[in-house]
Amino acid sequence: MTTIHICIGSSCHLRGSYNLINAFQQAIEENKLNDKIEVRGTFCLGHCGENVSCKIDDEYFGVSPENANEFFKSNVLPRVK
């Protein structure tokens, strides 16, 4: 199972971390990947930047809620298909 950790600390919260979580959960359902991908909220990942900090496996990314679908298609789907 692939786990996506999304920072819900104060800085990322202000940047829309909960919207990002919702977008990823919707994409997971639309692609029928509930048994392959898990989304977890976590506190600071130590990679604060301009976007919401998230971690997939051991790789860190900065993702905005606005580019969540594009990010999911290019960085999450290839890991599970």
PDB file of N, CA and C in Angstrom:
ATOM      1  N   MET A   1       0.843  -1.180   0.000  1.00  0.00           N
ATOM      2  CA  MET A   1       0.000   0.000   0.000  1.00  0.00           C
ATOM      3  C   MET A   1       0.887   1.241   0.000  1.00  0.00           C
ATOM      4  N   THR A   2       0.520   2.203  -0.808  1.00  0.00           N
ATOM      5  CA  THR A   2       1.206   3.484  -0.856  1.00  0.00           C
ATOM      6  C   THR A   2       0.527   4.432   0.127  1.00  0.00           C
ATOM      7  N   THR A   3       1.312   5.077   0.960  1.00  0.00           N
ATOM      8  CA  THR A   3       0.779   6.030   1.923  1.00  0.00           C
ATOM      9  C   THR A   3       1.248   7.431   1.567  1.00  0.00           C
ATOM     10  N   ILE A   4       0.297   8.351   1.498  1.00  0.00           N
ATOM     11  CA  ILE A   4       0.596   9.757   1.260  1.00  0.00           C
ATOM     12  C   ILE A   4       0.424  10.481   2.584  1.00  0.00           C
ATOM     13  N   HIS A   5       1.510  11.043   3.092  1.00  0.00           N
ATOM     14  CA  HIS A   5       1.466  11.826   4.322  1.00  0.00           C
ATOM     15  C   HIS A   5       1.347  13.291   3.935  1.00  0.00           C
ATOM     16  N   ILE A   6       0.354  13.973   4.473  1.00  0.00           N
ATOM     17  CA  ILE A   6       0.146  15.387   4.167  1.00  0.00           C
ATOM     18  C   ILE A   6       0.223  16.176   5.465  1.00  0.00           C
ATOM     19  N   CYS A   7       1.072  17.198   5.461  1.00  0.00           N
ATOM     20  CA  CYS A   7       1.242  18.031   6.641  1.00  0.00           C
ATOM     21  C   CYS A   7      -0.041  18.806   6.934  1.00  0.00           C
ATOM     22  N   ILE A   8      -0.464  18.779   8.192  1.00  0.00           N
ATOM     23  CA  ILE A   8      -1.621  19.560   8.619  1.00  0.00           C
ATOM     24  C   ILE A   8      -1.216  20.568   9.691  1.00  0.00           C
ATOM     25  N   GLY A   9       0.094  20.833   9.768  1.00  0.00           N
ATOM     26  CA  GLY A   9       0.584  21.847  10.697  1.00  0.00           C
ATOM     27  C   GLY A   9       0.060  23.223  10.314  1.00  0.00           C
ATOM     28  N   SER A  10       0.285  24.205  11.160  1.00  0.00           N
ATOM     29  CA  SER A  10      -0.325  25.518  10.965  1.00  0.00           C
ATOM     30  C   SER A  10       0.018  26.153   9.626  1.00  0.00           C
ATOM     31  N   SER A  11       1.251  26.107   9.201  1.00  0.00           N
ATOM     32  CA  SER A  11       1.652  26.727   7.935  1.00  0.00           C
ATOM     33  C   SER A  11       0.970  26.032   6.753  1.00  0.00           C
ATOM     34  N   CYS A  12       1.005  24.714   6.726  1.00  0.00           N
ATOM     35  CA  CYS A  12       0.373  23.967   5.629  1.00  0.00           C
ATOM     36  C   CYS A  12      -1.150  24.059   5.701  1.00  0.00           C
ATOM     37  N   HIS A  13      -1.673  24.125   6.910  1.00  0.00           N
ATOM     38  CA  HIS A  13      -3.124  24.290   7.073  1.00  0.00           C
ATOM     39  C   HIS A  13      -3.573  25.579   6.387  1.00  0.00           C
ATOM     40  N   LEU A  14      -2.814  26.644   6.598  1.00  0.00           N
ATOM     41  CA  LEU A  14      -3.154  27.927   5.981  1.00  0.00           C
ATOM     42  C   LEU A  14      -3.016  27.874   4.457  1.00  0.00           C
ATOM     43  N   ARG A  15      -2.207  26.980   3.959  1.00  0.00           N
ATOM     44  CA  ARG A  15      -2.020  26.835   2.508  1.00  0.00           C
ATOM     45  C   ARG A  15      -3.020  25.868   1.877  1.00  0.00           C
ATOM     46  N   GLY A  16      -3.876  25.259   2.682  1.00  0.00           N
ATOM     47  CA  GLY A  16      -4.938  24.428   2.142  1.00  0.00           C
ATOM     48  C   GLY A  16      -4.742  22.929   2.256  1.00  0.00           C
ATOM     49  N   SER A  17      -4.061  22.478   3.315  1.00  0.00           N
ATOM     50  CA  SER A  17      -3.792  21.046   3.443  1.00  0.00           C
ATOM     51  C   SER A  17      -5.075  20.206   3.489  1.00  0.00           C
ATOM     52  N   TYR A  18      -6.126  20.704   4.123  1.00  0.00           N
ATOM     53  CA  TYR A  18      -7.347  19.911   4.190  1.00  0.00           C
ATOM     54  C   TYR A  18      -8.015  19.822   2.822  1.00  0.00           C
ATOM     55  N   ASN A  19      -7.901  20.867   2.023  1.00  0.00           N
ATOM     56  CA  ASN A  19      -8.416  20.798   0.648  1.00  0.00           C
ATOM     57  C   ASN A  19      -7.616  19.792  -0.172  1.00  0.00           C
ATOM     58  N   LEU A  20      -6.315  19.737   0.068  1.00  0.00           N
ATOM     59  CA  LEU A  20      -5.463  18.768  -0.627  1.00  0.00           C
ATOM     60  C   LEU A  20      -5.835  17.342  -0.230  1.00  0.00           C
ATOM     61  N   ILE A  21      -6.044  17.109   1.049  1.00  0.00           N
ATOM     62  CA  ILE A  21      -6.473  15.785   1.525  1.00  0.00           C
ATOM     63  C   ILE A  21      -7.772  15.384   0.830  1.00  0.00           C
ATOM     64  N   ASN A  22      -8.733  16.293   0.795  1.00  0.00           N
ATOM     65  CA  ASN A  22     -10.020  15.998   0.154  1.00  0.00           C
ATOM     66  C   ASN A  22      -9.859  15.707  -1.331  1.00  0.00           C
ATOM     67  N   ALA A  23      -9.015  16.471  -2.011  1.00  0.00           N
ATOM     68  CA  ALA A  23      -8.787  16.248  -3.446  1.00  0.00           C
ATOM     69  C   ALA A  23      -8.166  14.881  -3.686  1.00  0.00           C
ATOM     70  N   PHE A  24      -7.183  14.501  -2.872  1.00  0.00           N
ATOM     71  CA  PHE A  24      -6.556  13.186  -3.029  1.00  0.00           C
ATOM     72  C   PHE A  24      -7.548  12.072  -2.724  1.00  0.00           C
ATOM     73  N   GLN A  25      -8.347  12.231  -1.675  1.00  0.00           N
ATOM     74  CA  GLN A  25      -9.326  11.197  -1.345  1.00  0.00           C
ATOM     75  C   GLN A  25     -10.344  11.031  -2.467  1.00  0.00           C
ATOM     76  N   GLN A  26     -10.748  12.127  -3.085  1.00  0.00           N
ATOM     77  CA  GLN A  26     -11.681  12.050  -4.205  1.00  0.00           C
ATOM     78  C   GLN A  26     -11.026  11.344  -5.400  1.00  0.00           C
ATOM     79  N   ALA A  27      -9.778  11.670  -5.685  1.00  0.00           N
ATOM     80  CA  ALA A  27      -9.065  11.026  -6.798  1.00  0.00           C
ATOM     81  C   ALA A  27      -8.888   9.533  -6.549  1.00  0.00           C
ATOM     82  N   ILE A  28      -8.624   9.167  -5.313  1.00  0.00           N
ATOM     83  CA  ILE A  28      -8.483   7.751  -4.955  1.00  0.00           C
ATOM     84  C   ILE A  28      -9.795   7.011  -5.207  1.00  0.00           C
ATOM     85  N   GLU A  29     -10.902   7.602  -4.798  1.00  0.00           N
ATOM     86  CA  GLU A  29     -12.205   6.970  -5.010  1.00  0.00           C
ATOM     87  C   GLU A  29     -12.548   6.886  -6.491  1.00  0.00           C
ATOM     88  N   GLU A  30     -12.303   7.970  -7.235  1.00  0.00           N
ATOM     89  CA  GLU A  30     -12.615   7.986  -8.662  1.00  0.00           C
ATOM     90  C   GLU A  30     -11.827   6.922  -9.428  1.00  0.00           C
ATOM     91  N   ASN A  31     -10.603   6.661  -8.982  1.00  0.00           N
ATOM     92  CA  ASN A  31      -9.756   5.666  -9.637  1.00  0.00           C
ATOM     93  C   ASN A  31      -9.865   4.279  -9.008  1.00  0.00           C
ATOM     94  N   LYS A  32     -10.771   4.143  -8.033  1.00  0.00           N
ATOM     95  CA  LYS A  32     -11.017   2.867  -7.345  1.00  0.00           C
ATOM     96  C   LYS A  32      -9.721   2.276  -6.777  1.00  0.00           C
ATOM     97  N   LEU A  33      -8.984   3.120  -6.046  1.00  0.00           N
ATOM     98  CA  LEU A  33      -7.696   2.715  -5.490  1.00  0.00           C
ATOM     99  C   LEU A  33      -7.705   2.705  -3.962  1.00  0.00           C
ATOM    100  N   ASN A  34      -8.880   2.583  -3.365  1.00  0.00           N
ATOM    101  CA  ASN A  34      -8.982   2.598  -1.896  1.00  0.00           C
ATOM    102  C   ASN A  34      -8.144   1.513  -1.241  1.00  0.00           C
ATOM    103  N   ASP A  35      -7.938   0.413  -1.925  1.00  0.00           N
ATOM    104  CA  ASP A  35      -7.164  -0.691  -1.360  1.00  0.00           C
ATOM    105  C   ASP A  35      -5.667  -0.557  -1.636  1.00  0.00           C
ATOM    106  N   LYS A  36      -5.264   0.484  -2.395  1.00  0.00           N
ATOM    107  CA  LYS A  36      -3.857   0.638  -2.753  1.00  0.00           C
ATOM    108  C   LYS A  36      -3.209   1.915  -2.229  1.00  0.00           C
ATOM    109  N   ILE A  37      -4.031   2.930  -1.890  1.00  0.00           N
ATOM    110  CA  ILE A  37      -3.492   4.217  -1.453  1.00  0.00           C
ATOM    111  C   ILE A  37      -4.200   4.659  -0.182  1.00  0.00           C
ATOM    112  N   GLU A  38      -3.409   5.142   0.751  1.00  0.00           N
ATOM    113  CA  GLU A  38      -3.937   5.670   2.011  1.00  0.00           C
ATOM    114  C   GLU A  38      -3.420   7.099   2.175  1.00  0.00           C
ATOM    115  N   VAL A  39      -4.299   8.000   2.625  1.00  0.00           N
ATOM    116  CA  VAL A  39      -3.913   9.382   2.890  1.00  0.00           C
ATOM    117  C   VAL A  39      -3.941   9.595   4.395  1.00  0.00           C
ATOM    118  N   ARG A  40      -2.839  10.128   4.920  1.00  0.00           N
ATOM    119  CA  ARG A  40      -2.745  10.386   6.359  1.00  0.00           C
ATOM    120  C   ARG A  40      -2.309  11.820   6.603  1.00  0.00           C
ATOM    121  N   GLY A  41      -2.954  12.470   7.540  1.00  0.00           N
ATOM    122  CA  GLY A  41      -2.518  13.784   7.984  1.00  0.00           C
ATOM    123  C   GLY A  41      -1.404  13.608   9.006  1.00  0.00           C
ATOM    124  N   THR A  42      -0.440  14.497   8.980  1.00  0.00           N
ATOM    125  CA  THR A  42       0.669  14.444   9.918  1.00  0.00           C
ATOM    126  C   THR A  42       1.115  15.863  10.225  1.00  0.00           C
ATOM    127  N   PHE A  43       1.818  16.027  11.320  1.00  0.00           N
ATOM    128  CA  PHE A  43       2.329  17.356  11.615  1.00  0.00           C
ATOM    129  C   PHE A  43       3.642  17.560  10.897  1.00  0.00           C
ATOM    130  N   CYS A  44       4.255  18.676  11.073  1.00  0.00           N
ATOM    131  CA  CYS A  44       5.356  19.176  10.256  1.00  0.00           C
ATOM    132  C   CYS A  44       6.302  18.084   9.757  1.00  0.00           C
ATOM    133  N   LEU A  45       6.495  18.090   8.445  1.00  0.00           N
ATOM    134  CA  LEU A  45       7.412  17.159   7.800  1.00  0.00           C
ATOM    135  C   LEU A  45       8.800  17.774   7.632  1.00  0.00           C
ATOM    136  N   GLY A  46       8.946  19.032   8.044  1.00  0.00           N
ATOM    137  CA  GLY A  46      10.246  19.688   7.987  1.00  0.00           C
ATOM    138  C   GLY A  46      10.638  20.165   6.601  1.00  0.00           C
ATOM    139  N   HIS A  47       9.680  20.222   5.697  1.00  0.00           N
ATOM    140  CA  HIS A  47       9.957  20.681   4.335  1.00  0.00           C
ATOM    141  C   HIS A  47       8.988  21.806   3.969  1.00  0.00           C
ATOM    142  N   CYS A  48       8.956  22.807   4.821  1.00  0.00           N
ATOM    143  CA  CYS A  48       8.057  23.932   4.597  1.00  0.00           C
ATOM    144  C   CYS A  48       8.529  24.723   3.380  1.00  0.00           C
ATOM    145  N   GLY A  49       7.609  25.161   2.613  1.00  0.00           N
ATOM    146  CA  GLY A  49       7.923  25.931   1.414  1.00  0.00           C
ATOM    147  C   GLY A  49       6.712  26.744   1.028  1.00  0.00           C
ATOM    148  N   GLU A  50       6.516  26.895  -0.255  1.00  0.00           N
ATOM    149  CA  GLU A  50       5.402  27.701  -0.740  1.00  0.00           C
ATOM    150  C   GLU A  50       4.095  26.921  -0.801  1.00  0.00           C
ATOM    151  N   ASN A  51       4.166  25.595  -0.782  1.00  0.00           N
ATOM    152  CA  ASN A  51       2.967  24.769  -0.903  1.00  0.00           C
ATOM    153  C   ASN A  51       2.838  23.839   0.296  1.00  0.00           C
ATOM    154  N   VAL A  52       1.795  23.029   0.279  1.00  0.00           N
ATOM    155  CA  VAL A  52       1.578  22.046   1.334  1.00  0.00           C
ATOM    156  C   VAL A  52       2.631  20.957   1.200  1.00  0.00           C
ATOM    157  N   SER A  53       3.262  20.621   2.302  1.00  0.00           N
ATOM    158  CA  SER A  53       4.298  19.592   2.311  1.00  0.00           C
ATOM    159  C   SER A  53       3.647  18.218   2.379  1.00  0.00           C
ATOM    160  N   CYS A  54       4.081  17.334   1.489  1.00  0.00           N
ATOM    161  CA  CYS A  54       3.595  15.959   1.550  1.00  0.00           C
ATOM    162  C   CYS A  54       4.734  15.004   1.239  1.00  0.00           C
ATOM    163  N   LYS A  55       4.551  13.769   1.698  1.00  0.00           N
ATOM    164  CA  LYS A  55       5.580  12.752   1.534  1.00  0.00           C
ATOM    165  C   LYS A  55       4.935  11.486   1.000  1.00  0.00           C
ATOM    166  N   ILE A  56       5.549  10.939  -0.044  1.00  0.00           N
ATOM    167  CA  ILE A  56       5.121   9.653  -0.591  1.00  0.00           C
ATOM    168  C   ILE A  56       6.348   8.763  -0.558  1.00  0.00           C
ATOM    169  N   ASP A  57       6.224   7.627   0.107  1.00  0.00           N
ATOM    170  CA  ASP A  57       7.372   6.766   0.372  1.00  0.00           C
ATOM    171  C   ASP A  57       8.411   7.625   1.106  1.00  0.00           C
ATOM    172  N   ASP A  58       9.590   7.790   0.594  1.00  0.00           N
ATOM    173  CA  ASP A  58      10.594   8.633   1.255  1.00  0.00           C
ATOM    174  C   ASP A  58      10.884   9.893   0.454  1.00  0.00           C
ATOM    175  N   GLU A  59       9.965  10.299  -0.387  1.00  0.00           N
ATOM    176  CA  GLU A  59      10.160  11.456  -1.256  1.00  0.00           C
ATOM    177  C   GLU A  59       9.219  12.591  -0.830  1.00  0.00           C
ATOM    178  N   TYR A  60       9.756  13.801  -0.729  1.00  0.00           N
ATOM    179  CA  TYR A  60       8.988  14.960  -0.289  1.00  0.00           C
ATOM    180  C   TYR A  60       8.591  15.830  -1.476  1.00  0.00           C
ATOM    181  N   PHE A  61       7.398  16.424  -1.379  1.00  0.00           N
ATOM    182  CA  PHE A  61       6.866  17.271  -2.435  1.00  0.00           C
ATOM    183  C   PHE A  61       6.176  18.477  -1.814  1.00  0.00           C
ATOM    184  N   GLY A  62       6.072  19.535  -2.574  1.00  0.00           N
ATOM    185  CA  GLY A  62       5.240  20.670  -2.226  1.00  0.00           C
ATOM    186  C   GLY A  62       4.094  20.711  -3.218  1.00  0.00           C
ATOM    187  N   VAL A  63       2.873  20.595  -2.719  1.00  0.00           N
ATOM    188  CA  VAL A  63       1.708  20.490  -3.592  1.00  0.00           C
ATOM    189  C   VAL A  63       0.673  21.518  -3.165  1.00  0.00           C
ATOM    190  N   SER A  64       0.083  22.188  -4.120  1.00  0.00           N
ATOM    191  CA  SER A  64      -1.001  23.108  -3.799  1.00  0.00           C
ATOM    192  C   SER A  64      -2.331  22.429  -4.110  1.00  0.00           C
ATOM    193  N   PRO A  65      -3.379  22.814  -3.420  1.00  0.00           N
ATOM    194  CA  PRO A  65      -4.689  22.228  -3.723  1.00  0.00           C
ATOM    195  C   PRO A  65      -5.087  22.455  -5.187  1.00  0.00           C
ATOM    196  N   GLU A  66      -4.617  23.553  -5.769  1.00  0.00           N
ATOM    197  CA  GLU A  66      -4.969  23.871  -7.153  1.00  0.00           C
ATOM    198  C   GLU A  66      -4.348  22.890  -8.151  1.00  0.00           C
ATOM    199  N   ASN A  67      -3.193  22.320  -7.838  1.00  0.00           N
ATOM    200  CA  ASN A  67      -2.583  21.371  -8.776  1.00  0.00           C
ATOM    201  C   ASN A  67      -2.643  19.934  -8.262  1.00  0.00           C
ATOM    202  N   ALA A  68      -3.549  19.668  -7.330  1.00  0.00           N
ATOM    203  CA  ALA A  68      -3.659  18.337  -6.715  1.00  0.00           C
ATOM    204  C   ALA A  68      -3.948  17.243  -7.739  1.00  0.00           C
ATOM    205  N   ASN A  69      -4.884  17.491  -8.658  1.00  0.00           N
ATOM    206  CA  ASN A  69      -5.243  16.455  -9.633  1.00  0.00           C
ATOM    207  C   ASN A  69      -4.089  16.153 -10.580  1.00  0.00           C
ATOM    208  N   GLU A  70      -3.416  17.186 -11.037  1.00  0.00           N
ATOM    209  CA  GLU A  70      -2.260  16.989 -11.922  1.00  0.00           C
ATOM    210  C   GLU A  70      -1.146  16.239 -11.186  1.00  0.00           C
ATOM    211  N   PHE A  71      -0.900  16.627  -9.944  1.00  0.00           N
ATOM    212  CA  PHE A  71       0.111  15.953  -9.140  1.00  0.00           C
ATOM    213  C   PHE A  71      -0.252  14.484  -8.942  1.00  0.00           C
ATOM    214  N   PHE A  72      -1.507  14.207  -8.642  1.00  0.00           N
ATOM    215  CA  PHE A  72      -1.961  12.836  -8.427  1.00  0.00           C
ATOM    216  C   PHE A  72      -1.705  11.984  -9.663  1.00  0.00           C
ATOM    217  N   LYS A  73      -2.056  12.524 -10.823  1.00  0.00           N
ATOM    218  CA  LYS A  73      -1.872  11.782 -12.077  1.00  0.00           C
ATOM    219  C   LYS A  73      -0.403  11.520 -12.391  1.00  0.00           C
ATOM    220  N   SER A  74       0.450  12.509 -12.124  1.00  0.00           N
ATOM    221  CA  SER A  74       1.849  12.367 -12.530  1.00  0.00           C
ATOM    222  C   SER A  74       2.759  11.741 -11.469  1.00  0.00           C
ATOM    223  N   ASN A  75       2.387  11.830 -10.184  1.00  0.00           N
ATOM    224  CA  ASN A  75       3.275  11.340  -9.132  1.00  0.00           C
ATOM    225  C   ASN A  75       2.720  10.209  -8.275  1.00  0.00           C
ATOM    226  N   VAL A  76       1.407  10.069  -8.231  1.00  0.00           N
ATOM    227  CA  VAL A  76       0.815   9.027  -7.390  1.00  0.00           C
ATOM    228  C   VAL A  76       0.419   7.808  -8.233  1.00  0.00           C
ATOM    229  N   LEU A  77      -0.320   8.029  -9.288  1.00  0.00           N
ATOM    230  CA  LEU A  77      -0.794   6.900 -10.111  1.00  0.00           C
ATOM    231  C   LEU A  77       0.329   5.998 -10.605  1.00  0.00           C
ATOM    232  N   PRO A  78       1.455   6.534 -11.078  1.00  0.00           N
ATOM    233  CA  PRO A  78       2.521   5.646 -11.539  1.00  0.00           C
ATOM    234  C   PRO A  78       3.066   4.710 -10.447  1.00  0.00           C
ATOM    235  N   ARG A  79       2.896   5.055  -9.220  1.00  0.00           N
ATOM    236  CA  ARG A  79       3.396   4.226  -8.114  1.00  0.00           C
ATOM    237  C   ARG A  79       2.500   3.020  -7.846  1.00  0.00           C
ATOM    238  N   VAL A  80       1.252   3.090  -8.268  1.00  0.00           N
ATOM    239  CA  VAL A  80       0.309   2.032  -7.925  1.00  0.00           C
ATOM    240  C   VAL A  80      -0.233   1.254  -9.122  1.00  0.00           C
ATOM    241  N   LYS A  81       0.041   1.722 -10.318  1.00  0.00           N
ATOM    242  CA  LYS A  81      -0.494   1.031 -11.497  1.00  0.00           C
ATOM    243  C   LYS A  81       0.558   0.218 -12.189  1.00  0.00           C
TER     244      LYS A  81
END
